[in-house]
Amino acid sequence: MSRQLWLIRHAKSSWDEPHLADKQRLLAPRGHKVAQLMASHYASQFSQLELVHYSPALRAQQTCEYWLEQRSQYLKGSDLEVDLQISCENSLYTFRWADLLVHIQALPNQINKIALVGHNPAFEDLVNYLTGEDLIKFPTASLAVMEADLEWQNWSEYSACLRLFDTPKKLAERL
């Protein structure tokens, strides 16, 4: 059975309050705008996901809220009903791809489509590791979607295909 992994990098965070701890930084005005843009554009596909895990960093939580809001808006006019499990996972507050891989490999196999909302450089490095792609940059608010015909515990180096990689800048240029 094919499994699909979405990586949603948090949107641009604010540095207006330098005294705040890293986990407490909120989205910048531009971050709010592009998070909504990306979430709105991909709402129909996102509505099919079964599980969303997000980092406890406030900027990741705020980004996740935009995606969940757009999913809800999309489903209002639809007959689709996909149960969605949502949880904040402390293990996603990491900047190391290997930590994310451990998280992925522990996912339940009855769930086939998941999203992680978190941070770079972990996301960029994880995409490179899993797909063999050489992403030069994984900008804030960007989305990568990978697939593999493997159970989660078997995801490993070069085991997945990159099905989609989009950034707010590329999306805005297409619209």
Protein backbone atom coordinates (compact mmCIF):
# COMPACT_ATOMS: atom_id res chain seq x y z
CA MET A 1 0.00 0.00 0.00
CA SER A 2 1.29 3.43 -0.92
CA ARG A 3 1.98 5.84 1.91
CA GLN A 4 2.19 9.59 1.53
CA LEU A 5 4.22 11.95 3.71
CA TRP A 6 3.68 15.70 3.63
CA LEU A 7 6.31 18.02 5.09
CA ILE A 8 5.04 21.54 5.71
CA ARG A 9 7.69 23.95 6.89
CA HIS A 10 6.43 26.63 9.25
CA ALA A 11 5.88 30.04 7.67
CA LYS A 12 8.14 33.06 8.21
CA SER A 13 8.51 33.89 11.88
CA SER A 14 8.84 37.27 13.47
CA TRP A 15 12.04 38.52 15.05
CA ASP A 16 10.36 41.64 16.46
CA GLU A 17 10.79 40.39 20.01
CA PRO A 18 14.38 39.09 20.22
CA HIS A 19 14.00 38.29 23.93
CA LEU A 20 11.51 35.49 23.20
CA ALA A 21 12.66 31.89 23.35
CA ASP A 22 12.83 30.20 19.95
CA LYS A 23 9.70 28.11 20.62
CA GLN A 24 7.73 31.27 21.47
CA ARG A 25 8.31 33.16 18.21
CA LEU A 26 5.09 33.88 16.30
CA LEU A 27 4.51 34.24 12.59
CA ALA A 28 5.50 37.48 10.90
CA PRO A 29 2.83 39.32 8.87
CA ARG A 30 4.29 37.85 5.67
CA GLY A 31 4.21 34.42 7.32
CA HIS A 32 0.47 34.68 7.93
CA LYS A 33 -0.12 35.67 4.31
CA VAL A 34 1.89 32.87 2.69
CA ALA A 35 0.69 30.19 5.11
CA GLN A 36 -2.87 31.01 4.12
CA LEU A 37 -1.92 31.06 0.42
CA MET A 38 -0.31 27.61 0.51
CA ALA A 39 -3.01 26.08 2.70
CA SER A 40 -5.79 27.47 0.53
CA HIS A 41 -4.22 26.22 -2.69
CA TYR A 42 -3.67 22.67 -1.40
CA ALA A 43 -6.84 22.36 0.72
CA SER A 44 -8.47 19.70 -1.45
CA GLN A 45 -5.45 17.37 -1.27
CA PHE A 46 -4.81 18.17 2.39
CA SER A 47 -8.39 17.25 3.21
CA GLN A 48 -7.56 13.62 2.37
CA LEU A 49 -4.89 13.31 5.06
CA GLU A 50 -5.51 11.10 8.08
CA LEU A 51 -2.93 12.40 10.55
CA VAL A 52 -1.21 15.72 11.25
CA HIS A 53 1.63 16.09 13.72
CA TYR A 54 3.08 19.51 14.42
CA SER A 55 6.01 20.93 16.36
CA PRO A 56 5.31 22.66 19.70
CA ALA A 57 6.96 25.85 18.40
CA LEU A 58 4.27 28.55 18.17
CA ARG A 59 5.17 29.39 14.55
CA ALA A 60 4.58 25.75 13.57
CA GLN A 61 1.29 25.66 15.49
CA GLN A 62 0.10 28.84 13.77
CA THR A 63 1.08 27.47 10.36
CA CYS A 64 -0.79 24.23 11.11
CA GLU A 65 -3.88 26.23 12.10
CA TYR A 66 -4.01 27.81 8.63
CA TRP A 67 -3.89 24.38 6.99
CA LEU A 68 -6.61 23.01 9.29
CA GLU A 69 -8.80 26.08 8.74
CA GLN A 70 -8.53 25.78 4.96
CA ARG A 71 -9.28 22.04 5.18
CA SER A 72 -12.39 22.83 7.19
CA GLN A 73 -13.49 25.47 4.67
CA TYR A 74 -12.96 23.05 1.79
CA LEU A 75 -14.88 20.23 3.46
CA LYS A 76 -17.90 22.49 4.20
CA GLY A 77 -18.96 22.28 0.59
CA SER A 78 -18.02 18.64 0.12
CA ASP A 79 -19.43 15.22 0.86
CA LEU A 80 -15.99 14.01 1.91
CA GLU A 81 -15.51 12.86 5.46
CA VAL A 82 -11.98 11.91 6.35
CA ASP A 83 -11.22 11.50 10.03
CA LEU A 84 -8.18 13.52 10.95
CA GLN A 85 -6.02 12.90 13.98
CA ILE A 86 -4.09 15.99 15.08
CA SER A 87 -1.43 16.23 17.74
CA CYS A 88 1.46 18.34 18.91
CA GLU A 89 4.60 16.20 19.06
CA ASN A 90 7.63 17.36 21.04
CA SER A 91 9.89 15.20 18.87
CA LEU A 92 9.14 17.46 15.89
CA TYR A 93 10.88 20.40 17.52
CA THR A 94 14.15 19.34 15.96
CA PHE A 95 16.55 20.52 13.32
CA ARG A 96 17.97 17.03 12.65
CA TRP A 97 16.54 14.84 9.89
CA ALA A 98 17.41 11.62 11.75
CA ASP A 99 15.05 12.60 14.59
CA LEU A 100 12.25 12.99 12.04
CA LEU A 101 13.04 9.63 10.49
CA VAL A 102 12.68 7.95 13.90
CA HIS A 103 9.30 9.67 14.27
CA ILE A 104 8.15 8.52 10.81
CA GLN A 105 9.30 4.95 11.31
CA ALA A 106 7.17 4.73 14.47
CA LEU A 107 3.95 5.80 12.74
CA PRO A 108 1.03 3.33 12.72
CA ASN A 109 0.75 1.43 9.44
CA GLN A 110 -3.04 1.70 9.32
CA ILE A 111 -2.55 5.41 8.51
CA ASN A 112 -1.44 6.06 4.94
CA LYS A 113 -1.43 9.84 4.52
CA ILE A 114 0.24 12.07 7.07
CA ALA A 115 1.64 15.57 7.42
CA LEU A 116 4.38 16.88 9.64
CA VAL A 117 4.61 20.61 10.33
CA GLY A 118 8.06 21.62 11.49
CA HIS A 119 11.47 23.03 10.80
CA ASN A 120 14.52 23.29 8.62
CA PRO A 121 17.22 22.15 8.08
CA ALA A 122 15.61 18.87 9.20
CA PHE A 123 12.96 18.91 6.45
CA GLU A 124 15.35 19.70 3.62
CA ASP A 125 17.83 17.08 4.77
CA LEU A 126 15.08 14.48 5.24
CA VAL A 127 13.75 14.99 1.70
CA ASN A 128 17.29 14.64 0.34
CA TYR A 129 17.85 11.46 2.37
CA LEU A 130 14.54 9.77 1.57
CA THR A 131 14.36 10.66 -2.12
CA GLY A 132 17.92 11.24 -3.30
CA GLU A 133 16.78 14.64 -4.57
CA ASP A 134 19.14 17.51 -3.97
CA LEU A 135 16.91 20.27 -2.65
CA ILE A 136 19.04 23.36 -2.45
CA LYS A 137 16.54 25.23 -0.32
CA PHE A 138 13.30 24.46 1.57
CA PRO A 139 11.93 27.98 2.16
CA THR A 140 9.50 28.87 4.94
CA ALA A 141 5.88 27.80 4.26
CA SER A 142 7.01 25.35 1.57
CA LEU A 143 5.52 21.92 0.99
CA ALA A 144 7.11 18.61 0.02
CA VAL A 145 5.04 15.50 -0.64
CA MET A 146 6.72 12.10 -0.83
CA GLU A 147 5.35 8.63 -1.50
CA ALA A 148 6.59 5.10 -1.01
CA ASP A 149 5.04 1.64 -1.28
CA LEU A 150 6.45 0.69 2.11
CA GLU A 151 5.29 0.43 5.68
CA TRP A 152 6.44 3.41 7.70
CA GLN A 153 9.12 1.48 9.59
CA ASN A 154 10.80 0.67 6.25
CA TRP A 155 11.18 4.24 5.04
CA SER A 156 14.91 4.75 4.60
CA GLU A 157 17.52 6.21 2.29
CA TYR A 158 16.24 6.63 -1.30
CA SER A 159 13.03 4.74 -0.50
CA ALA A 160 10.53 7.49 -1.44
CA CYS A 161 9.65 9.50 -4.52
CA LEU A 162 9.22 13.25 -4.34
CA ARG A 163 5.76 13.83 -5.84
CA LEU A 164 5.50 17.55 -5.16
CA PHE A 165 7.68 20.38 -3.99
CA ASP A 166 6.18 23.85 -3.93
CA THR A 167 7.10 27.16 -2.38
CA PRO A 168 5.00 30.28 -1.77
CA LYS A 169 7.09 32.17 -4.33
CA LYS A 170 6.56 29.54 -7.07
CA LEU A 171 2.86 29.32 -6.27
CA ALA A 172 2.39 33.10 -6.39
CA GLU A 173 4.12 33.19 -9.79
CA ARG A 174 1.65 30.60 -11.16
CA LEU A 175 -1.45 32.36 -9.85
